[in-house]
Amino acid sequence: MAQNQKTVATTEHVPASEHGGGFPPFQKETFASQIVWLVITFVALYLLISRIAVPRIGGIIDERQKRIEGDFAAAQRMKDESEAALAAYEKSLADARNRAQAIGAEVRDKLNAEADVNRKATEAKLNAQLADAEKQITATKSAAMANVRGIAVDAAAAIVERLTGTAPAAPAVAAAVDDALKA
């Protein structure tokens, strides 16, 4: 056991010169074989990547490009459809506005015509009532004027009787009232 410890201790402190002359890639004796193995490994790795990895990556890139182009085409198609739908919506909205304005104008004209008919009927009715009222006023005025003479004769006779104390003759009072009405 003591000897094992000694060998362990000696292997830990061995100088680099005892290992065979330094770093192996820089040794002249193994340089040519290392170059050969480097070329073989590089060619094998190049063939592996160029035959297997690059076609797979190229296929993935092509598939992705096709998917992107398909998505762009679908987006453009959807954009065109939405623009067409928007144009159709705006056209139907304009048509609806035009129809609403036409209906409004039609209703307004109809109501104006009905209002004119009602106004004319009311005016005719009022004119008829006005003519009847004027006839009644004329008749009442004529009747009142006919009664005014009689009332004036009676009032004049009453005034003269009160002032003089004697009743005047009826024909004289009537003649005096007629003279006053003429003047």
N, C-alpha and C. Protein backbone atom coordinates (compact mmCIF):
# COMPACT_ATOMS: atom_id res chain seq x y z
N MET A 1 0.79 -1.17 0.00
CA MET A 1 0.00 0.00 0.00
C MET A 1 0.85 1.26 0.00
N ALA A 2 1.88 1.20 0.66
CA ALA A 2 2.80 2.33 0.68
C ALA A 2 3.39 2.53 -0.69
N GLN A 3 3.64 1.45 -1.42
CA GLN A 3 4.20 1.57 -2.75
C GLN A 3 3.18 2.18 -3.71
N ASN A 4 1.90 1.85 -3.57
CA ASN A 4 0.85 2.43 -4.42
C ASN A 4 0.76 3.94 -4.22
N GLN A 5 0.94 4.33 -2.99
CA GLN A 5 0.89 5.76 -2.71
C GLN A 5 2.07 6.45 -3.36
N LYS A 6 3.20 5.79 -3.41
CA LYS A 6 4.38 6.38 -3.99
C LYS A 6 4.22 6.54 -5.49
N THR A 7 3.65 5.51 -6.14
CA THR A 7 3.47 5.61 -7.59
C THR A 7 2.44 6.66 -7.94
N VAL A 8 1.41 6.76 -7.14
CA VAL A 8 0.41 7.79 -7.38
C VAL A 8 1.05 9.15 -7.24
N ALA A 9 1.87 9.27 -6.24
CA ALA A 9 2.52 10.55 -6.00
C ALA A 9 3.48 10.87 -7.12
N THR A 10 4.16 9.87 -7.68
CA THR A 10 5.14 10.14 -8.73
C THR A 10 4.45 10.44 -10.05
N THR A 11 3.26 9.85 -10.33
CA THR A 11 2.58 10.12 -11.60
C THR A 11 1.99 11.52 -11.62
N GLU A 12 1.72 12.04 -10.49
CA GLU A 12 1.12 13.38 -10.46
C GLU A 12 2.18 14.43 -10.76
N HIS A 13 3.41 14.18 -10.43
CA HIS A 13 4.44 15.19 -10.58
C HIS A 13 5.42 14.85 -11.69
N VAL A 14 4.97 14.16 -12.73
CA VAL A 14 5.87 13.77 -13.82
C VAL A 14 6.01 14.96 -14.76
N PRO A 15 7.20 15.35 -15.15
CA PRO A 15 7.38 16.47 -16.06
C PRO A 15 6.95 16.10 -17.48
N ALA A 16 6.68 17.10 -18.32
CA ALA A 16 6.17 16.91 -19.67
C ALA A 16 7.20 16.22 -20.55
N SER A 17 8.45 16.36 -20.29
CA SER A 17 9.48 15.76 -21.13
C SER A 17 9.47 14.24 -21.01
N GLU A 18 8.94 13.68 -19.98
CA GLU A 18 8.90 12.24 -19.82
C GLU A 18 7.74 11.61 -20.57
N HIS A 19 6.79 12.33 -21.10
CA HIS A 19 5.61 11.79 -21.80
C HIS A 19 5.92 11.52 -23.26
N GLY A 20 6.93 11.86 -23.81
CA GLY A 20 7.27 11.50 -25.17
C GLY A 20 7.45 12.68 -26.07
N GLY A 21 7.69 13.81 -25.62
CA GLY A 21 8.11 14.88 -26.48
C GLY A 21 7.09 15.95 -26.77
N GLY A 22 6.00 16.19 -26.05
CA GLY A 22 5.11 17.32 -26.22
C GLY A 22 3.74 16.96 -26.79
N PHE A 23 3.11 17.99 -27.33
CA PHE A 23 1.73 17.88 -27.81
C PHE A 23 1.69 17.10 -29.11
N PRO A 24 0.88 16.00 -29.19
CA PRO A 24 0.93 15.09 -30.35
C PRO A 24 0.64 15.72 -31.70
N PRO A 25 -0.29 16.67 -31.86
CA PRO A 25 -0.50 17.21 -33.21
C PRO A 25 0.71 17.95 -33.77
N PHE A 26 1.60 18.37 -32.92
CA PHE A 26 2.75 19.11 -33.40
C PHE A 26 3.99 18.21 -33.59
N GLN A 27 3.82 16.93 -33.43
CA GLN A 27 4.96 16.01 -33.62
C GLN A 27 5.11 15.69 -35.09
N LYS A 28 6.34 15.69 -35.60
CA LYS A 28 6.61 15.46 -37.01
C LYS A 28 6.28 14.05 -37.43
N GLU A 29 6.43 13.09 -36.59
CA GLU A 29 6.22 11.69 -36.96
C GLU A 29 4.75 11.40 -37.23
N THR A 30 3.80 12.05 -36.54
CA THR A 30 2.37 11.74 -36.70
C THR A 30 1.65 12.79 -37.53
N PHE A 31 2.31 13.79 -38.07
CA PHE A 31 1.67 14.89 -38.78
C PHE A 31 0.99 14.43 -40.06
N ALA A 32 1.62 13.59 -40.86
CA ALA A 32 1.06 13.12 -42.14
C ALA A 32 -0.17 12.27 -41.90
N SER A 33 -0.14 11.39 -40.93
CA SER A 33 -1.31 10.54 -40.67
C SER A 33 -2.48 11.38 -40.14
N GLN A 34 -2.16 12.40 -39.37
CA GLN A 34 -3.23 13.28 -38.86
C GLN A 34 -3.87 14.05 -40.00
N ILE A 35 -3.09 14.50 -40.98
CA ILE A 35 -3.64 15.21 -42.15
C ILE A 35 -4.54 14.28 -42.93
N VAL A 36 -4.12 13.02 -43.12
CA VAL A 36 -4.95 12.05 -43.86
C VAL A 36 -6.26 11.83 -43.14
N TRP A 37 -6.18 11.62 -41.86
CA TRP A 37 -7.43 11.41 -41.10
C TRP A 37 -8.31 12.68 -41.08
N LEU A 38 -7.71 13.83 -41.08
CA LEU A 38 -8.47 15.07 -41.14
C LEU A 38 -9.21 15.19 -42.46
N VAL A 39 -8.53 14.86 -43.56
CA VAL A 39 -9.16 14.92 -44.88
C VAL A 39 -10.27 13.88 -44.98
N ILE A 40 -10.02 12.66 -44.51
CA ILE A 40 -11.05 11.60 -44.56
C ILE A 40 -12.27 12.02 -43.74
N THR A 41 -12.04 12.51 -42.54
CA THR A 41 -13.15 12.94 -41.67
C THR A 41 -13.90 14.11 -42.30
N PHE A 42 -13.14 15.08 -42.87
CA PHE A 42 -13.78 16.23 -43.49
C PHE A 42 -14.63 15.81 -44.68
N VAL A 43 -14.10 14.93 -45.54
CA VAL A 43 -14.85 14.45 -46.70
C VAL A 43 -16.07 13.67 -46.26
N ALA A 44 -15.93 12.81 -45.25
CA ALA A 44 -17.07 12.03 -44.76
C ALA A 44 -18.15 12.97 -44.19
N LEU A 45 -17.73 13.94 -43.40
CA LEU A 45 -18.67 14.89 -42.81
C LEU A 45 -19.33 15.73 -43.90
N TYR A 46 -18.52 16.16 -44.91
CA TYR A 46 -19.07 16.94 -46.02
C TYR A 46 -20.10 16.13 -46.79
N LEU A 47 -19.78 14.88 -47.10
CA LEU A 47 -20.73 14.02 -47.82
C LEU A 47 -21.99 13.78 -46.99
N LEU A 48 -21.84 13.55 -45.72
CA LEU A 48 -22.99 13.32 -44.83
C LEU A 48 -23.90 14.56 -44.81
N ILE A 49 -23.31 15.72 -44.67
CA ILE A 49 -24.11 16.96 -44.61
C ILE A 49 -24.72 17.26 -45.98
N SER A 50 -23.91 17.13 -47.06
CA SER A 50 -24.42 17.51 -48.38
C SER A 50 -25.47 16.53 -48.90
N ARG A 51 -25.38 15.25 -48.53
CA ARG A 51 -26.33 14.25 -49.03
C ARG A 51 -27.57 14.11 -48.15
N ILE A 52 -27.45 14.35 -46.88
CA ILE A 52 -28.57 14.10 -45.97
C ILE A 52 -29.13 15.40 -45.39
N ALA A 53 -28.30 16.19 -44.76
CA ALA A 53 -28.78 17.36 -44.01
C ALA A 53 -29.24 18.49 -44.93
N VAL A 54 -28.43 18.83 -45.93
CA VAL A 54 -28.77 19.96 -46.81
C VAL A 54 -30.07 19.70 -47.58
N PRO A 55 -30.31 18.49 -48.17
CA PRO A 55 -31.60 18.29 -48.84
C PRO A 55 -32.80 18.39 -47.88
N ARG A 56 -32.63 17.90 -46.67
CA ARG A 56 -33.73 18.00 -45.70
C ARG A 56 -34.00 19.46 -45.35
N ILE A 57 -32.92 20.19 -45.11
CA ILE A 57 -33.08 21.61 -44.78
C ILE A 57 -33.68 22.35 -45.98
N GLY A 58 -33.18 22.03 -47.20
CA GLY A 58 -33.72 22.65 -48.41
C GLY A 58 -35.20 22.33 -48.58
N GLY A 59 -35.58 21.08 -48.30
CA GLY A 59 -36.98 20.69 -48.40
C GLY A 59 -37.84 21.46 -47.39
N ILE A 60 -37.31 21.59 -46.19
CA ILE A 60 -38.05 22.34 -45.15
C ILE A 60 -38.19 23.80 -45.57
N ILE A 61 -37.12 24.37 -46.12
CA ILE A 61 -37.18 25.78 -46.56
C ILE A 61 -38.16 25.94 -47.71
N ASP A 62 -38.13 25.00 -48.68
CA ASP A 62 -39.07 25.06 -49.80
C ASP A 62 -40.51 24.93 -49.31
N GLU A 63 -40.73 23.97 -48.41
CA GLU A 63 -42.09 23.78 -47.87
C GLU A 63 -42.55 25.04 -47.13
N ARG A 64 -41.65 25.63 -46.38
CA ARG A 64 -41.99 26.85 -45.65
C ARG A 64 -42.29 27.99 -46.61
N GLN A 65 -41.50 28.10 -47.66
CA GLN A 65 -41.72 29.15 -48.66
C GLN A 65 -43.07 28.96 -49.34
N LYS A 66 -43.39 27.71 -49.68
CA LYS A 66 -44.70 27.42 -50.30
C LYS A 66 -45.84 27.77 -49.34
N ARG A 67 -45.67 27.44 -48.06
CA ARG A 67 -46.69 27.74 -47.06
C ARG A 67 -46.87 29.26 -46.92
N ILE A 68 -45.74 29.98 -46.92
CA ILE A 68 -45.81 31.44 -46.81
C ILE A 68 -46.51 32.03 -48.03
N GLU A 69 -46.15 31.54 -49.22
CA GLU A 69 -46.81 32.02 -50.43
C GLU A 69 -48.29 31.69 -50.43
N GLY A 70 -48.62 30.50 -49.96
CA GLY A 70 -50.04 30.12 -49.85
C GLY A 70 -50.78 31.01 -48.86
N ASP A 71 -50.13 31.30 -47.74
CA ASP A 71 -50.75 32.19 -46.76
C ASP A 71 -50.93 33.59 -47.33
N PHE A 72 -49.92 34.08 -48.07
CA PHE A 72 -50.06 35.39 -48.70
C PHE A 72 -51.19 35.38 -49.72
N ALA A 73 -51.28 34.32 -50.50
CA ALA A 73 -52.36 34.23 -51.50
C ALA A 73 -53.72 34.18 -50.80
N ALA A 74 -53.81 33.40 -49.72
CA ALA A 74 -55.08 33.33 -48.98
C ALA A 74 -55.40 34.68 -48.36
N ALA A 75 -54.40 35.37 -47.83
CA ALA A 75 -54.63 36.69 -47.24
C ALA A 75 -55.09 37.68 -48.31
N GLN A 76 -54.48 37.63 -49.48
CA GLN A 76 -54.90 38.52 -50.58
C GLN A 76 -56.32 38.21 -51.03
N ARG A 77 -56.63 36.92 -51.12
CA ARG A 77 -57.99 36.50 -51.51
C ARG A 77 -59.01 36.98 -50.48
N MET A 78 -58.66 36.81 -49.20
CA MET A 78 -59.57 37.27 -48.14
C MET A 78 -59.71 38.79 -48.15
N LYS A 79 -58.60 39.48 -48.45
CA LYS A 79 -58.66 40.93 -48.53
C LYS A 79 -59.57 41.35 -49.68
N ASP A 80 -59.42 40.70 -50.83
CA ASP A 80 -60.28 41.01 -51.98
C ASP A 80 -61.74 40.73 -51.65
N GLU A 81 -61.99 39.60 -50.97
CA GLU A 81 -63.37 39.26 -50.60
C GLU A 81 -63.94 40.29 -49.63
N SER A 82 -63.11 40.71 -48.66
CA SER A 82 -63.60 41.70 -47.69
C SER A 82 -63.84 43.05 -48.37
N GLU A 83 -62.98 43.42 -49.33
CA GLU A 83 -63.21 44.67 -50.07
C GLU A 83 -64.48 44.57 -50.90
N ALA A 84 -64.71 43.41 -51.52
CA ALA A 84 -65.94 43.21 -52.30
C ALA A 84 -67.16 43.26 -51.38
N ALA A 85 -67.05 42.63 -50.21
CA ALA A 85 -68.17 42.66 -49.26
C ALA A 85 -68.41 44.08 -48.76
N LEU A 86 -67.33 44.82 -48.52
CA LEU A 86 -67.47 46.21 -48.09
C LEU A 86 -68.13 47.06 -49.17
N ALA A 87 -67.71 46.85 -50.42
CA ALA A 87 -68.32 47.60 -51.53
C ALA A 87 -69.80 47.25 -51.66
N ALA A 88 -70.13 45.96 -51.53
CA ALA A 88 -71.54 45.55 -51.59
C ALA A 88 -72.33 46.15 -50.44
N TYR A 89 -71.71 46.17 -49.25
CA TYR A 89 -72.39 46.76 -48.08
C TYR A 89 -72.63 48.25 -48.30
N GLU A 90 -71.61 48.96 -48.79
CA GLU A 90 -71.77 50.38 -49.02
C GLU A 90 -72.82 50.65 -50.10
N LYS A 91 -72.86 49.80 -51.14
CA LYS A 91 -73.87 49.96 -52.19
C LYS A 91 -75.26 49.72 -51.62
N SER A 92 -75.41 48.67 -50.82
CA SER A 92 -76.73 48.39 -50.25
C SER A 92 -77.13 49.49 -49.27
N LEU A 93 -76.15 50.04 -48.56
CA LEU A 93 -76.44 51.14 -47.64
C LEU A 93 -76.89 52.37 -48.42
N ALA A 94 -76.20 52.67 -49.52
CA ALA A 94 -76.60 53.81 -50.36
C ALA A 94 -77.98 53.58 -50.96
N ASP A 95 -78.25 52.34 -51.41
CA ASP A 95 -79.58 52.02 -51.94
C ASP A 95 -80.64 52.18 -50.87
N ALA A 96 -80.34 51.74 -49.66
CA ALA A 96 -81.30 51.88 -48.56
C ALA A 96 -81.55 53.35 -48.25
N ARG A 97 -80.49 54.16 -48.25
CA ARG A 97 -80.68 55.59 -48.02
C ARG A 97 -81.55 56.20 -49.11
N ASN A 98 -81.27 55.84 -50.37
CA ASN A 98 -82.07 56.37 -51.48
C ASN A 98 -83.53 55.95 -51.35
N ARG A 99 -83.75 54.68 -50.99
CA ARG A 99 -85.14 54.22 -50.82
C ARG A 99 -85.80 54.96 -49.67
N ALA A 100 -85.06 55.15 -48.58
CA ALA A 100 -85.63 55.86 -47.43
C ALA A 100 -85.96 57.30 -47.80
N GLN A 101 -85.09 57.95 -48.56
CA GLN A 101 -85.37 59.32 -49.00
C GLN A 101 -86.57 59.35 -49.93
N ALA A 102 -86.66 58.36 -50.83
CA ALA A 102 -87.80 58.31 -51.75
C ALA A 102 -89.09 58.08 -50.98
N ILE A 103 -89.05 57.16 -50.02
CA ILE A 103 -90.24 56.90 -49.22
C ILE A 103 -90.60 58.14 -48.41
N GLY A 104 -89.60 58.79 -47.83
CA GLY A 104 -89.84 60.01 -47.06
C GLY A 104 -90.46 61.10 -47.92
N ALA A 105 -89.92 61.27 -49.14
CA ALA A 105 -90.46 62.28 -50.05
C ALA A 105 -91.89 61.92 -50.45
N GLU A 106 -92.12 60.64 -50.70
CA GLU A 106 -93.47 60.19 -51.07
C GLU A 106 -94.46 60.44 -49.94
N VAL A 107 -94.06 60.09 -48.72
CA VAL A 107 -94.93 60.29 -47.56
C VAL A 107 -95.15 61.79 -47.33
N ARG A 108 -94.07 62.58 -47.45
CA ARG A 108 -94.19 64.03 -47.28
C ARG A 108 -95.15 64.61 -48.30
N ASP A 109 -95.02 64.20 -49.58
CA ASP A 109 -95.92 64.70 -50.63
C ASP A 109 -97.36 64.28 -50.36
N LYS A 110 -97.52 63.03 -49.93
CA LYS A 110 -98.87 62.54 -49.63
C LYS A 110 -99.49 63.32 -48.47
N LEU A 111 -98.69 63.53 -47.42
CA LEU A 111 -99.20 64.29 -46.27
C LEU A 111 -99.47 65.74 -46.64
N ASN A 112 -98.62 66.33 -47.48
CA ASN A 112 -98.87 67.70 -47.94
C ASN A 112 -100.16 67.77 -48.75
N ALA A 113 -100.39 66.78 -49.62
CA ALA A 113 -101.62 66.75 -50.42
C ALA A 113 -102.84 66.60 -49.51
N GLU A 114 -102.73 65.69 -48.53
CA GLU A 114 -103.84 65.52 -47.58
C GLU A 114 -104.07 66.80 -46.78
N ALA A 115 -102.99 67.45 -46.37
CA ALA A 115 -103.11 68.70 -45.62
C ALA A 115 -103.76 69.78 -46.47
N ASP A 116 -103.38 69.84 -47.77
CA ASP A 116 -104.01 70.82 -48.66
C ASP A 116 -105.49 70.55 -48.82
N VAL A 117 -105.84 69.28 -48.99
CA VAL A 117 -107.26 68.91 -49.13
C VAL A 117 -108.01 69.29 -47.85
N ASN A 118 -107.42 68.93 -46.70
CA ASN A 118 -108.07 69.25 -45.42
C ASN A 118 -108.16 70.77 -45.23
N ARG A 119 -107.10 71.49 -45.59
CA ARG A 119 -107.10 72.94 -45.46
C ARG A 119 -108.18 73.56 -46.34
N LYS A 120 -108.26 73.09 -47.60
CA LYS A 120 -109.27 73.63 -48.52
C LYS A 120 -110.68 73.31 -48.02
N ALA A 121 -110.87 72.09 -47.51
CA ALA A 121 -112.19 71.73 -46.98
C ALA A 121 -112.53 72.60 -45.77
N THR A 122 -111.53 72.80 -44.90
CA THR A 122 -111.77 73.63 -43.71
C THR A 122 -112.03 75.07 -44.12
N GLU A 123 -111.27 75.58 -45.11
CA GLU A 123 -111.49 76.95 -45.58
C GLU A 123 -112.89 77.09 -46.18
N ALA A 124 -113.30 76.10 -46.97
CA ALA A 124 -114.64 76.15 -47.57
C ALA A 124 -115.72 76.13 -46.48
N LYS A 125 -115.49 75.29 -45.49
CA LYS A 125 -116.45 75.19 -44.38
C LYS A 125 -116.50 76.51 -43.61
N LEU A 126 -115.32 77.08 -43.34
CA LEU A 126 -115.26 78.36 -42.63
C LEU A 126 -115.87 79.49 -43.47
N ASN A 127 -115.61 79.47 -44.78
CA ASN A 127 -116.21 80.49 -45.66
C ASN A 127 -117.73 80.38 -45.65
N ALA A 128 -118.24 79.16 -45.67
CA ALA A 128 -119.69 78.96 -45.61
C ALA A 128 -120.24 79.47 -44.29
N GLN A 129 -119.54 79.14 -43.20
CA GLN A 129 -119.98 79.61 -41.88
C GLN A 129 -119.89 81.14 -41.80
N LEU A 130 -118.85 81.72 -42.39
CA LEU A 130 -118.69 83.18 -42.41
C LEU A 130 -119.82 83.83 -43.20
N ALA A 131 -120.17 83.24 -44.36
CA ALA A 131 -121.27 83.78 -45.16
C ALA A 131 -122.58 83.71 -44.38
N ASP A 132 -122.81 82.57 -43.69
CA ASP A 132 -124.03 82.45 -42.87
C ASP A 132 -124.02 83.48 -41.75
N ALA A 133 -122.85 83.67 -41.12
CA ALA A 133 -122.76 84.65 -40.02
C ALA A 133 -123.01 86.05 -40.55
N GLU A 134 -122.45 86.37 -41.74
CA GLU A 134 -122.68 87.70 -42.32
C GLU A 134 -124.15 87.91 -42.63
N LYS A 135 -124.82 86.86 -43.12
CA LYS A 135 -126.27 86.97 -43.40
C LYS A 135 -127.03 87.22 -42.11
N GLN A 136 -126.64 86.47 -41.06
CA GLN A 136 -127.32 86.66 -39.77
C GLN A 136 -127.05 88.06 -39.22
N ILE A 137 -125.81 88.52 -39.38
CA ILE A 137 -125.48 89.88 -38.90
C ILE A 137 -126.29 90.91 -39.68
N THR A 138 -126.37 90.73 -41.00
CA THR A 138 -127.14 91.68 -41.84
C THR A 138 -128.62 91.65 -41.44
N ALA A 139 -129.14 90.44 -41.23
CA ALA A 139 -130.55 90.33 -40.83
C ALA A 139 -130.77 90.94 -39.46
N THR A 140 -129.84 90.68 -38.54
CA THR A 140 -129.96 91.23 -37.18
C THR A 140 -129.81 92.75 -37.23
N LYS A 141 -128.90 93.24 -38.08
CA LYS A 141 -128.71 94.68 -38.21
C LYS A 141 -129.95 95.34 -38.80
N SER A 142 -130.52 94.69 -39.82
CA SER A 142 -131.74 95.24 -40.43
C SER A 142 -132.88 95.26 -39.42
N ALA A 143 -132.97 94.16 -38.67
CA ALA A 143 -134.04 94.10 -37.66
C ALA A 143 -133.79 95.14 -36.58
N ALA A 144 -132.53 95.32 -36.19
CA ALA A 144 -132.20 96.31 -35.17
C ALA A 144 -132.46 97.71 -35.68
N MET A 145 -132.11 97.96 -36.93
CA MET A 145 -132.35 99.28 -37.50
C MET A 145 -133.85 99.56 -37.60
N ALA A 146 -134.60 98.53 -37.90
CA ALA A 146 -136.06 98.72 -37.96
C ALA A 146 -136.59 99.02 -36.57
N ASN A 147 -136.03 98.39 -35.59
CA ASN A 147 -136.46 98.62 -34.21
C ASN A 147 -135.91 99.92 -33.65
N VAL A 148 -134.81 100.45 -34.22
CA VAL A 148 -134.19 101.67 -33.72
C VAL A 148 -135.16 102.85 -33.90
N ARG A 149 -135.82 102.89 -35.03
CA ARG A 149 -136.77 103.98 -35.27
C ARG A 149 -137.87 103.96 -34.24
N GLY A 150 -138.39 102.75 -34.00
CA GLY A 150 -139.48 102.63 -33.01
C GLY A 150 -138.99 102.98 -31.62
N ILE A 151 -137.77 102.51 -31.29
CA ILE A 151 -137.21 102.78 -29.96
C ILE A 151 -136.92 104.29 -29.85
N ALA A 152 -136.40 104.90 -30.93
CA ALA A 152 -136.10 106.33 -30.91
C ALA A 152 -137.38 107.16 -30.75
N VAL A 153 -138.45 106.75 -31.41
CA VAL A 153 -139.73 107.46 -31.28
C VAL A 153 -140.22 107.35 -29.86
N ASP A 154 -140.16 106.14 -29.27
CA ASP A 154 -140.62 105.93 -27.90
C ASP A 154 -139.74 106.71 -26.92
N ALA A 155 -138.41 106.70 -27.14
CA ALA A 155 -137.51 107.39 -26.23
C ALA A 155 -137.72 108.90 -26.32
N ALA A 156 -137.88 109.42 -27.53
CA ALA A 156 -138.09 110.86 -27.71
C ALA A 156 -139.39 111.28 -27.05
N ALA A 157 -140.44 110.47 -27.20
CA ALA A 157 -141.74 110.80 -26.58
C ALA A 157 -141.59 110.78 -25.07
N ALA A 158 -140.84 109.82 -24.54
CA ALA A 158 -140.68 109.73 -23.09
C ALA A 158 -139.86 110.90 -22.57
N ILE A 159 -138.85 111.34 -23.31
CA ILE A 159 -138.01 112.45 -22.89
C ILE A 159 -138.83 113.76 -22.90
N VAL A 160 -139.59 113.98 -23.96
CA VAL A 160 -140.40 115.20 -24.07
C VAL A 160 -141.44 115.21 -22.97
N GLU A 161 -142.04 114.10 -22.70
CA GLU A 161 -143.07 114.02 -21.65
C GLU A 161 -142.45 114.31 -20.30
N ARG A 162 -141.29 113.85 -20.06
CA ARG A 162 -140.66 114.08 -18.77
C ARG A 162 -140.23 115.54 -18.63
N LEU A 163 -139.75 116.11 -19.68
CA LEU A 163 -139.30 117.48 -19.60
C LEU A 163 -140.48 118.48 -19.55
N THR A 164 -141.51 118.17 -20.31
CA THR A 164 -142.62 119.12 -20.38
C THR A 164 -143.76 118.70 -19.46
N GLY A 165 -143.84 117.50 -19.15
CA GLY A 165 -144.91 117.00 -18.29
C GLY A 165 -146.13 116.58 -19.06
N THR A 166 -146.20 116.80 -20.37
CA THR A 166 -147.33 116.37 -21.19
C THR A 166 -146.80 115.47 -22.29
N ALA A 167 -147.59 114.52 -22.71
CA ALA A 167 -147.21 113.57 -23.75
C ALA A 167 -147.41 114.23 -25.10
N PRO A 168 -146.38 114.22 -25.98
CA PRO A 168 -146.53 114.83 -27.29
C PRO A 168 -147.34 113.93 -28.22
N ALA A 169 -147.76 114.45 -29.33
CA ALA A 169 -148.55 113.67 -30.28
C ALA A 169 -147.60 112.71 -31.00
N ALA A 170 -148.06 111.51 -31.21
CA ALA A 170 -147.23 110.46 -31.80
C ALA A 170 -146.79 110.80 -33.21
N PRO A 171 -147.66 111.36 -34.12
CA PRO A 171 -147.20 111.68 -35.46
C PRO A 171 -146.14 112.78 -35.43
N ALA A 172 -146.18 113.71 -34.53
CA ALA A 172 -145.20 114.78 -34.49
C ALA A 172 -143.83 114.24 -34.03
N VAL A 173 -143.86 113.32 -33.07
CA VAL A 173 -142.61 112.70 -32.60
C VAL A 173 -141.99 111.87 -33.70
N ALA A 174 -142.80 111.10 -34.45
CA ALA A 174 -142.30 110.26 -35.52
C ALA A 174 -141.70 111.10 -36.62
N ALA A 175 -142.31 112.25 -36.97
CA ALA A 175 -141.80 113.16 -38.00
C ALA A 175 -140.48 113.75 -37.55
N ALA A 176 -140.35 114.10 -36.28
CA ALA A 176 -139.10 114.67 -35.77
C ALA A 176 -137.98 113.64 -35.79
N VAL A 177 -138.25 112.39 -35.45
CA VAL A 177 -137.25 111.32 -35.46
C VAL A 177 -136.82 111.05 -36.90
N ASP A 178 -137.75 111.02 -37.84
CA ASP A 178 -137.40 110.78 -39.25
C ASP A 178 -136.50 111.90 -39.76
N ASP A 179 -136.77 113.14 -39.39
CA ASP A 179 -135.94 114.26 -39.82
C ASP A 179 -134.53 114.13 -39.25
N ALA A 180 -134.42 113.65 -37.99
CA ALA A 180 -133.12 113.49 -37.33
C ALA A 180 -132.32 112.35 -37.97
N LEU A 181 -133.01 111.28 -38.32
CA LEU A 181 -132.32 110.12 -38.96
C LEU A 181 -131.83 110.48 -40.35
N LYS A 182 -132.56 111.33 -41.06
CA LYS A 182 -132.15 111.73 -42.42
C LYS A 182 -130.94 112.65 -42.37
N ALA A 183 -130.86 113.45 -41.35
CA ALA A 183 -129.78 114.42 -41.27
C ALA A 183 -128.54 113.68 -40.82
